[in-house]
N, C-alpha and C. Protein backbone atom coordinates (compact mmCIF):
# COMPACT_ATOMS: atom_id res chain seq x y z
N MET A 1 34.78 -16.30 -23.89
CA MET A 1 35.00 -16.33 -22.46
C MET A 1 34.97 -14.89 -21.94
N ILE A 2 34.25 -14.67 -20.86
CA ILE A 2 34.14 -13.34 -20.27
C ILE A 2 35.34 -13.08 -19.39
N LYS A 3 35.97 -11.94 -19.60
CA LYS A 3 37.12 -11.58 -18.77
C LYS A 3 36.63 -11.14 -17.40
N ARG A 4 37.49 -11.26 -16.40
CA ARG A 4 37.13 -10.87 -15.03
C ARG A 4 36.69 -9.42 -14.95
N ALA A 5 37.36 -8.55 -15.66
CA ALA A 5 37.01 -7.12 -15.63
C ALA A 5 35.60 -6.91 -16.17
N HIS A 6 35.25 -7.62 -17.25
CA HIS A 6 33.91 -7.50 -17.82
C HIS A 6 32.86 -8.06 -16.86
N LEU A 7 33.17 -9.20 -16.25
CA LEU A 7 32.26 -9.82 -15.30
C LEU A 7 32.04 -8.90 -14.09
N ALA A 8 33.12 -8.32 -13.59
CA ALA A 8 33.01 -7.40 -12.45
C ALA A 8 32.16 -6.19 -12.83
N ALA A 9 32.37 -5.66 -14.03
CA ALA A 9 31.58 -4.50 -14.48
C ALA A 9 30.12 -4.87 -14.62
N LEU A 10 29.84 -6.06 -15.17
CA LEU A 10 28.46 -6.52 -15.32
C LEU A 10 27.79 -6.68 -13.96
N LEU A 11 28.47 -7.27 -13.01
CA LEU A 11 27.91 -7.43 -11.66
C LEU A 11 27.67 -6.08 -10.99
N LEU A 12 28.57 -5.13 -11.22
CA LEU A 12 28.40 -3.79 -10.66
C LEU A 12 27.17 -3.12 -11.23
N VAL A 13 26.97 -3.22 -12.54
CA VAL A 13 25.79 -2.63 -13.18
C VAL A 13 24.52 -3.28 -12.66
N LEU A 14 24.53 -4.61 -12.50
CA LEU A 14 23.34 -5.30 -12.01
C LEU A 14 23.00 -4.96 -10.57
N SER A 15 23.96 -4.48 -9.81
CA SER A 15 23.69 -4.15 -8.42
C SER A 15 23.09 -2.76 -8.25
N PHE A 16 23.08 -1.93 -9.31
CA PHE A 16 22.48 -0.60 -9.23
C PHE A 16 20.97 -0.70 -9.33
N PRO A 17 20.24 0.32 -8.79
CA PRO A 17 18.79 0.32 -8.90
C PRO A 17 18.35 0.30 -10.37
N ILE A 18 17.25 -0.38 -10.62
CA ILE A 18 16.67 -0.46 -11.96
C ILE A 18 15.64 0.66 -12.10
N MET A 19 15.70 1.42 -13.20
CA MET A 19 14.78 2.52 -13.42
C MET A 19 13.85 2.18 -14.58
N ALA A 20 12.59 2.54 -14.46
CA ALA A 20 11.63 2.35 -15.53
C ALA A 20 10.67 3.52 -15.55
N HIS A 21 10.07 3.78 -16.69
CA HIS A 21 9.17 4.92 -16.81
C HIS A 21 7.70 4.54 -16.77
N ALA A 22 7.34 3.35 -17.06
CA ALA A 22 5.95 3.03 -17.26
C ALA A 22 5.30 2.40 -16.05
N GLN A 23 5.25 1.12 -16.04
CA GLN A 23 4.45 0.41 -15.08
C GLN A 23 5.18 -0.86 -14.67
N ALA A 24 5.00 -1.30 -13.45
CA ALA A 24 5.59 -2.55 -13.00
C ALA A 24 4.52 -3.40 -12.33
N GLN A 25 4.38 -4.64 -12.76
CA GLN A 25 3.46 -5.58 -12.13
C GLN A 25 4.21 -6.24 -10.98
N ILE A 26 3.58 -6.28 -9.82
CA ILE A 26 4.23 -6.78 -8.62
C ILE A 26 3.39 -7.91 -8.02
N ALA A 27 4.05 -8.95 -7.53
CA ALA A 27 3.35 -10.01 -6.79
C ALA A 27 3.31 -9.60 -5.33
N PHE A 28 2.14 -9.67 -4.73
CA PHE A 28 1.96 -9.29 -3.34
C PHE A 28 1.43 -10.47 -2.55
N GLY A 29 2.22 -11.52 -2.44
CA GLY A 29 1.79 -12.69 -1.70
C GLY A 29 1.39 -12.37 -0.28
N GLY A 30 2.16 -11.51 0.39
CA GLY A 30 1.86 -11.13 1.76
C GLY A 30 0.68 -10.20 1.87
N LEU A 31 0.33 -9.53 0.76
CA LEU A 31 -0.80 -8.61 0.81
C LEU A 31 -2.10 -9.23 0.32
N LYS A 32 -2.09 -10.52 0.00
CA LYS A 32 -3.34 -11.18 -0.32
C LYS A 32 -4.16 -11.21 0.96
N HIS A 33 -5.42 -10.78 0.86
CA HIS A 33 -6.14 -10.48 2.08
C HIS A 33 -7.64 -10.61 1.87
N ASP A 34 -8.36 -10.99 2.92
CA ASP A 34 -9.82 -11.10 2.89
C ASP A 34 -10.43 -9.78 3.33
N SER A 35 -10.95 -9.00 2.38
CA SER A 35 -11.49 -7.67 2.71
C SER A 35 -12.88 -7.73 3.34
N SER A 36 -13.43 -8.93 3.55
CA SER A 36 -14.73 -9.03 4.21
C SER A 36 -14.59 -9.12 5.73
N LEU A 37 -13.37 -9.20 6.24
CA LEU A 37 -13.15 -9.27 7.69
C LEU A 37 -13.54 -7.95 8.35
N PRO A 38 -13.87 -7.97 9.64
CA PRO A 38 -14.23 -6.72 10.34
C PRO A 38 -13.05 -5.74 10.37
N VAL A 39 -13.37 -4.46 10.37
CA VAL A 39 -12.37 -3.39 10.42
C VAL A 39 -12.41 -2.77 11.82
N GLU A 40 -11.24 -2.69 12.47
CA GLU A 40 -11.13 -2.07 13.79
C GLU A 40 -10.29 -0.79 13.65
N ILE A 41 -10.81 0.32 14.22
CA ILE A 41 -10.13 1.62 14.10
C ILE A 41 -9.93 2.22 15.48
N ALA A 42 -8.72 2.73 15.72
CA ALA A 42 -8.40 3.45 16.96
C ALA A 42 -7.73 4.77 16.57
N ALA A 43 -8.06 5.85 17.29
CA ALA A 43 -7.48 7.17 16.99
C ALA A 43 -7.60 8.06 18.22
N ASP A 44 -6.92 9.21 18.17
CA ASP A 44 -6.99 10.17 19.26
C ASP A 44 -8.30 10.94 19.28
N GLN A 45 -8.92 11.09 18.11
CA GLN A 45 -10.13 11.91 18.00
C GLN A 45 -11.04 11.37 16.91
N LEU A 46 -12.35 11.54 17.08
CA LEU A 46 -13.34 11.15 16.08
C LEU A 46 -14.30 12.29 15.84
N ASN A 47 -14.49 12.65 14.57
CA ASN A 47 -15.47 13.66 14.16
C ASN A 47 -16.47 13.00 13.23
N VAL A 48 -17.77 13.11 13.55
CA VAL A 48 -18.82 12.50 12.75
C VAL A 48 -19.58 13.59 12.02
N ASP A 49 -19.79 13.39 10.71
CA ASP A 49 -20.55 14.33 9.89
C ASP A 49 -21.85 13.65 9.48
N GLN A 50 -22.95 13.99 10.17
CA GLN A 50 -24.25 13.38 9.89
C GLN A 50 -24.76 13.76 8.50
N ALA A 51 -24.38 14.93 8.01
CA ALA A 51 -24.87 15.42 6.72
C ALA A 51 -24.43 14.51 5.56
N ASP A 52 -23.18 14.09 5.57
CA ASP A 52 -22.73 13.23 4.46
C ASP A 52 -22.49 11.78 4.90
N GLY A 53 -22.76 11.46 6.15
CA GLY A 53 -22.63 10.09 6.63
C GLY A 53 -21.21 9.59 6.69
N SER A 54 -20.29 10.45 7.10
CA SER A 54 -18.89 10.04 7.19
C SER A 54 -18.38 10.24 8.61
N ALA A 55 -17.25 9.63 8.88
CA ALA A 55 -16.57 9.80 10.16
C ALA A 55 -15.10 10.03 9.85
N THR A 56 -14.48 10.97 10.56
CA THR A 56 -13.07 11.25 10.35
C THR A 56 -12.31 10.99 11.64
N PHE A 57 -11.36 10.08 11.56
CA PHE A 57 -10.50 9.76 12.68
C PHE A 57 -9.22 10.56 12.53
N VAL A 58 -8.78 11.20 13.62
CA VAL A 58 -7.62 12.08 13.56
C VAL A 58 -6.63 11.74 14.67
N GLY A 59 -5.34 11.77 14.33
CA GLY A 59 -4.29 11.57 15.32
C GLY A 59 -3.96 10.13 15.60
N ASN A 60 -2.79 9.70 15.18
CA ASN A 60 -2.30 8.35 15.46
C ASN A 60 -3.36 7.29 15.13
N VAL A 61 -3.89 7.35 13.92
CA VAL A 61 -4.94 6.43 13.51
C VAL A 61 -4.33 5.06 13.21
N GLN A 62 -4.88 4.04 13.84
CA GLN A 62 -4.44 2.65 13.65
C GLN A 62 -5.66 1.84 13.21
N ILE A 63 -5.56 1.21 12.04
CA ILE A 63 -6.65 0.41 11.51
C ILE A 63 -6.14 -1.01 11.32
N SER A 64 -6.95 -1.98 11.74
CA SER A 64 -6.58 -3.37 11.52
C SER A 64 -7.76 -4.10 10.90
N GLN A 65 -7.43 -5.04 10.03
CA GLN A 65 -8.41 -5.92 9.41
C GLN A 65 -7.69 -7.25 9.20
N GLY A 66 -8.00 -8.21 10.05
CA GLY A 66 -7.25 -9.47 10.01
C GLY A 66 -5.80 -9.19 10.35
N SER A 67 -4.87 -9.68 9.53
CA SER A 67 -3.44 -9.46 9.78
C SER A 67 -2.93 -8.16 9.16
N MET A 68 -3.77 -7.47 8.38
CA MET A 68 -3.33 -6.23 7.73
C MET A 68 -3.48 -5.05 8.68
N ARG A 69 -2.47 -4.16 8.67
CA ARG A 69 -2.46 -2.96 9.52
C ARG A 69 -2.23 -1.74 8.64
N LEU A 70 -3.01 -0.69 8.90
CA LEU A 70 -2.83 0.58 8.21
C LEU A 70 -2.77 1.67 9.27
N SER A 71 -1.79 2.55 9.15
CA SER A 71 -1.69 3.67 10.08
C SER A 71 -1.55 4.96 9.28
N ALA A 72 -2.06 6.06 9.85
CA ALA A 72 -2.02 7.36 9.19
C ALA A 72 -2.32 8.45 10.22
N GLY A 73 -2.09 9.68 9.83
CA GLY A 73 -2.42 10.80 10.70
C GLY A 73 -3.90 11.11 10.71
N LYS A 74 -4.58 10.80 9.58
CA LYS A 74 -6.00 11.11 9.44
C LYS A 74 -6.65 10.12 8.49
N VAL A 75 -7.84 9.62 8.87
CA VAL A 75 -8.57 8.69 8.01
C VAL A 75 -10.05 9.08 8.01
N ARG A 76 -10.57 9.29 6.80
CA ARG A 76 -12.00 9.56 6.62
C ARG A 76 -12.66 8.24 6.23
N VAL A 77 -13.72 7.88 6.95
CA VAL A 77 -14.46 6.65 6.69
C VAL A 77 -15.78 7.03 6.04
N GLU A 78 -16.01 6.49 4.84
CA GLU A 78 -17.27 6.72 4.15
C GLU A 78 -18.08 5.44 4.22
N TYR A 79 -19.38 5.58 4.47
CA TYR A 79 -20.25 4.42 4.64
C TYR A 79 -21.14 4.24 3.43
N GLU A 80 -21.55 2.97 3.20
CA GLU A 80 -22.49 2.66 2.12
C GLU A 80 -23.80 3.40 2.38
N THR A 81 -24.44 3.82 1.31
CA THR A 81 -25.74 4.47 1.42
C THR A 81 -26.77 3.62 0.71
N GLY A 82 -28.01 3.73 1.13
CA GLY A 82 -29.09 2.96 0.52
C GLY A 82 -29.88 2.23 1.58
N SER A 83 -31.05 1.77 1.18
CA SER A 83 -31.96 1.13 2.14
C SER A 83 -31.52 -0.26 2.56
N ASP A 84 -30.72 -0.94 1.74
CA ASP A 84 -30.33 -2.32 2.07
C ASP A 84 -28.98 -2.42 2.80
N THR A 85 -28.39 -1.28 3.15
CA THR A 85 -27.11 -1.32 3.86
C THR A 85 -27.33 -0.99 5.33
N THR A 86 -26.45 -1.51 6.16
CA THR A 86 -26.57 -1.29 7.61
C THR A 86 -25.31 -0.63 8.14
N GLY A 87 -24.92 0.49 7.53
CA GLY A 87 -23.76 1.21 8.01
C GLY A 87 -22.44 0.54 7.67
N GLU A 88 -22.39 -0.22 6.59
CA GLU A 88 -21.16 -0.88 6.19
C GLU A 88 -20.18 0.14 5.63
N ILE A 89 -18.90 -0.07 5.91
CA ILE A 89 -17.87 0.84 5.41
C ILE A 89 -17.72 0.65 3.90
N SER A 90 -17.72 1.76 3.19
CA SER A 90 -17.52 1.75 1.74
C SER A 90 -16.05 1.97 1.40
N ARG A 91 -15.49 3.09 1.91
CA ARG A 91 -14.09 3.44 1.60
C ARG A 91 -13.42 4.05 2.82
N LEU A 92 -12.10 3.86 2.87
CA LEU A 92 -11.25 4.53 3.84
C LEU A 92 -10.31 5.43 3.05
N LEU A 93 -10.27 6.72 3.40
CA LEU A 93 -9.38 7.67 2.74
C LEU A 93 -8.35 8.13 3.76
N ALA A 94 -7.14 7.62 3.64
CA ALA A 94 -6.07 7.89 4.61
C ALA A 94 -5.12 8.95 4.08
N THR A 95 -4.73 9.88 4.95
CA THR A 95 -3.78 10.94 4.58
C THR A 95 -2.80 11.16 5.73
N GLU A 96 -1.84 12.04 5.48
CA GLU A 96 -0.86 12.45 6.49
C GLU A 96 0.07 11.31 6.89
N GLY A 97 0.71 10.72 5.89
CA GLY A 97 1.70 9.67 6.15
C GLY A 97 1.06 8.33 6.39
N VAL A 98 0.92 7.55 5.34
CA VAL A 98 0.22 6.27 5.40
C VAL A 98 1.23 5.12 5.37
N THR A 99 1.02 4.15 6.25
CA THR A 99 1.82 2.92 6.25
C THR A 99 0.87 1.74 6.24
N LEU A 100 1.09 0.82 5.30
CA LEU A 100 0.30 -0.39 5.17
C LEU A 100 1.24 -1.57 5.37
N VAL A 101 0.91 -2.47 6.30
CA VAL A 101 1.76 -3.61 6.59
C VAL A 101 0.92 -4.88 6.60
N ASN A 102 1.45 -5.91 5.93
CA ASN A 102 0.84 -7.24 5.98
C ASN A 102 1.94 -8.25 5.76
N GLY A 103 2.23 -9.04 6.76
CA GLY A 103 3.31 -10.01 6.66
C GLY A 103 4.66 -9.31 6.55
N ALA A 104 5.48 -9.79 5.63
CA ALA A 104 6.82 -9.22 5.44
C ALA A 104 6.83 -8.05 4.47
N GLU A 105 5.66 -7.66 3.97
CA GLU A 105 5.57 -6.57 3.01
C GLU A 105 4.99 -5.33 3.68
N ALA A 106 5.55 -4.17 3.30
CA ALA A 106 5.08 -2.91 3.84
C ALA A 106 5.13 -1.85 2.75
N ALA A 107 4.18 -0.93 2.77
CA ALA A 107 4.16 0.16 1.80
C ALA A 107 3.89 1.46 2.54
N GLN A 108 4.55 2.53 2.09
CA GLN A 108 4.35 3.86 2.66
C GLN A 108 4.00 4.82 1.53
N SER A 109 3.15 5.83 1.85
CA SER A 109 2.78 6.83 0.87
C SER A 109 2.22 8.05 1.59
N SER A 110 1.92 9.08 0.80
CA SER A 110 1.31 10.28 1.36
C SER A 110 -0.18 10.05 1.62
N GLU A 111 -0.84 9.35 0.68
CA GLU A 111 -2.28 9.13 0.77
C GLU A 111 -2.62 7.72 0.30
N ALA A 112 -3.79 7.23 0.73
CA ALA A 112 -4.27 5.93 0.28
C ALA A 112 -5.79 5.91 0.32
N ILE A 113 -6.38 5.20 -0.64
CA ILE A 113 -7.83 4.98 -0.67
C ILE A 113 -8.05 3.47 -0.70
N TYR A 114 -8.75 2.97 0.32
CA TYR A 114 -9.06 1.54 0.41
C TYR A 114 -10.55 1.39 0.14
N THR A 115 -10.90 0.77 -0.99
CA THR A 115 -12.30 0.51 -1.34
C THR A 115 -12.60 -0.92 -0.89
N ILE A 116 -13.41 -1.03 0.15
CA ILE A 116 -13.66 -2.32 0.80
C ILE A 116 -14.33 -3.31 -0.15
N SER A 117 -15.37 -2.88 -0.87
CA SER A 117 -16.15 -3.80 -1.70
C SER A 117 -15.33 -4.45 -2.80
N THR A 118 -14.35 -3.76 -3.33
CA THR A 118 -13.52 -4.32 -4.40
C THR A 118 -12.21 -4.91 -3.88
N GLY A 119 -11.89 -4.64 -2.63
CA GLY A 119 -10.64 -5.13 -2.05
C GLY A 119 -9.42 -4.50 -2.70
N THR A 120 -9.53 -3.20 -3.06
CA THR A 120 -8.40 -2.51 -3.69
C THR A 120 -7.91 -1.36 -2.82
N ILE A 121 -6.61 -1.17 -2.85
CA ILE A 121 -5.98 -0.03 -2.18
C ILE A 121 -5.15 0.69 -3.22
N VAL A 122 -5.36 2.00 -3.33
CA VAL A 122 -4.57 2.83 -4.23
C VAL A 122 -3.79 3.81 -3.36
N MET A 123 -2.46 3.70 -3.42
CA MET A 123 -1.57 4.56 -2.63
C MET A 123 -0.89 5.53 -3.58
N THR A 124 -0.84 6.81 -3.20
CA THR A 124 -0.22 7.82 -4.05
C THR A 124 0.69 8.73 -3.23
N GLY A 125 1.65 9.33 -3.94
CA GLY A 125 2.55 10.28 -3.31
C GLY A 125 3.75 9.63 -2.66
N ASP A 126 4.88 9.62 -3.36
CA ASP A 126 6.14 9.09 -2.82
C ASP A 126 5.97 7.69 -2.23
N VAL A 127 5.48 6.78 -3.05
CA VAL A 127 5.21 5.41 -2.61
C VAL A 127 6.52 4.64 -2.50
N ILE A 128 6.66 3.94 -1.38
CA ILE A 128 7.80 3.04 -1.17
C ILE A 128 7.24 1.70 -0.71
N LEU A 129 7.61 0.65 -1.42
CA LEU A 129 7.19 -0.70 -1.08
C LEU A 129 8.41 -1.52 -0.73
N THR A 130 8.38 -2.21 0.40
CA THR A 130 9.47 -3.12 0.76
C THR A 130 8.92 -4.53 0.81
N GLN A 131 9.67 -5.44 0.19
CA GLN A 131 9.36 -6.86 0.21
C GLN A 131 10.63 -7.56 0.67
N GLY A 132 10.69 -7.87 1.95
CA GLY A 132 11.92 -8.43 2.51
C GLY A 132 13.01 -7.38 2.42
N GLN A 133 14.15 -7.71 1.78
CA GLN A 133 15.26 -6.75 1.64
C GLN A 133 15.15 -5.93 0.35
N ASN A 134 14.19 -6.23 -0.50
CA ASN A 134 14.02 -5.50 -1.75
C ASN A 134 13.08 -4.32 -1.55
N ALA A 135 13.30 -3.26 -2.33
CA ALA A 135 12.47 -2.06 -2.22
C ALA A 135 12.13 -1.53 -3.60
N LEU A 136 10.92 -0.99 -3.72
CA LEU A 136 10.48 -0.35 -4.95
C LEU A 136 9.86 0.98 -4.59
N SER A 137 9.98 1.95 -5.49
CA SER A 137 9.32 3.23 -5.26
C SER A 137 8.66 3.69 -6.55
N SER A 138 7.60 4.49 -6.43
CA SER A 138 6.89 5.01 -7.59
C SER A 138 5.97 6.13 -7.15
N ASP A 139 5.21 6.64 -8.12
CA ASP A 139 4.23 7.69 -7.84
C ASP A 139 2.92 7.10 -7.33
N LYS A 140 2.60 5.86 -7.79
CA LYS A 140 1.30 5.27 -7.46
C LYS A 140 1.43 3.76 -7.36
N LEU A 141 0.77 3.20 -6.36
CA LEU A 141 0.71 1.76 -6.18
C LEU A 141 -0.76 1.36 -6.06
N SER A 142 -1.20 0.44 -6.92
CA SER A 142 -2.57 -0.09 -6.86
C SER A 142 -2.47 -1.55 -6.48
N VAL A 143 -3.13 -1.93 -5.38
CA VAL A 143 -3.05 -3.30 -4.88
C VAL A 143 -4.43 -3.95 -4.94
N ASP A 144 -4.49 -5.15 -5.49
CA ASP A 144 -5.69 -5.97 -5.48
C ASP A 144 -5.49 -7.00 -4.37
N LEU A 145 -6.12 -6.76 -3.23
CA LEU A 145 -5.91 -7.62 -2.06
C LEU A 145 -6.43 -9.03 -2.27
N ARG A 146 -7.48 -9.17 -3.06
CA ARG A 146 -8.06 -10.50 -3.28
C ARG A 146 -7.14 -11.38 -4.10
N ALA A 147 -6.50 -10.81 -5.12
CA ALA A 147 -5.62 -11.57 -5.99
C ALA A 147 -4.18 -11.60 -5.48
N GLY A 148 -3.84 -10.67 -4.59
CA GLY A 148 -2.47 -10.59 -4.10
C GLY A 148 -1.52 -10.04 -5.14
N THR A 149 -2.02 -9.12 -5.99
CA THR A 149 -1.20 -8.52 -7.04
C THR A 149 -1.26 -7.01 -6.96
N GLY A 150 -0.35 -6.37 -7.65
CA GLY A 150 -0.35 -4.91 -7.66
C GLY A 150 0.37 -4.36 -8.86
N THR A 151 0.16 -3.06 -9.07
CA THR A 151 0.79 -2.35 -10.17
C THR A 151 1.37 -1.06 -9.64
N MET A 152 2.60 -0.78 -10.01
CA MET A 152 3.24 0.48 -9.66
C MET A 152 3.30 1.31 -10.93
N ASP A 153 2.81 2.55 -10.85
CA ASP A 153 2.76 3.45 -12.00
C ASP A 153 3.63 4.67 -11.76
N GLY A 154 4.03 5.31 -12.86
CA GLY A 154 4.86 6.49 -12.78
C GLY A 154 6.31 6.09 -12.93
N ARG A 155 7.17 6.85 -12.38
CA ARG A 155 8.60 6.54 -12.42
C ARG A 155 8.86 5.46 -11.38
N VAL A 156 9.18 4.26 -11.82
CA VAL A 156 9.38 3.12 -10.93
C VAL A 156 10.88 2.90 -10.75
N LYS A 157 11.29 2.79 -9.50
CA LYS A 157 12.69 2.53 -9.17
C LYS A 157 12.70 1.32 -8.25
N SER A 158 13.60 0.38 -8.54
CA SER A 158 13.67 -0.80 -7.67
C SER A 158 15.12 -1.06 -7.25
N ILE A 159 15.24 -1.55 -6.03
CA ILE A 159 16.53 -1.98 -5.50
C ILE A 159 16.34 -3.45 -5.13
N ILE A 160 17.05 -4.30 -5.84
CA ILE A 160 16.90 -5.73 -5.66
C ILE A 160 18.20 -6.29 -5.11
N GLN A 161 18.12 -6.92 -3.95
CA GLN A 161 19.28 -7.53 -3.34
C GLN A 161 19.61 -8.82 -4.10
N THR A 162 20.88 -8.97 -4.47
CA THR A 162 21.29 -10.13 -5.25
C THR A 162 21.79 -11.28 -4.39
N GLY A 163 21.89 -11.07 -3.10
CA GLY A 163 22.37 -12.11 -2.21
C GLY A 163 23.86 -12.10 -1.98
N GLY A 164 24.57 -11.24 -2.72
CA GLY A 164 26.02 -11.13 -2.53
C GLY A 164 26.35 -10.23 -1.36
N ASN A 165 27.62 -10.22 -0.96
CA ASN A 165 28.04 -9.37 0.16
C ASN A 165 28.38 -8.00 -0.30
């Protein structure tokens, strides 16, 4: 039989953040997303580089694709190259404080790379992911939007609400 003191100590330990060194697989039900939807971008400024076929949006950049929203201070848009492409977006490289929101899930980081063709987003630099009242942090978050799954790499810290007061 567990004594009350032991039970209280066990509950206290379980309420502390969980630390891990390797990798954490995460379910991203809210981040499951159709990456073939049109991408809409709004910003304070646009700079186009004809030499490399890119466009850089600067200042309060807001990107939407379906229900997914991404905001950042600066986003470089790279386009597909080749004779069979018609200016389709290849990758979005977001910097200067990135926030990704879809449904009840949100992630923040210093930088993010969204590769449209594969439906993957890689977020790096002080990554924080919130899923409802739970939060996770790490050095890197890789999200597969098509599968609705992700992996957190580096030092992973999680805070999981147990439902108690």
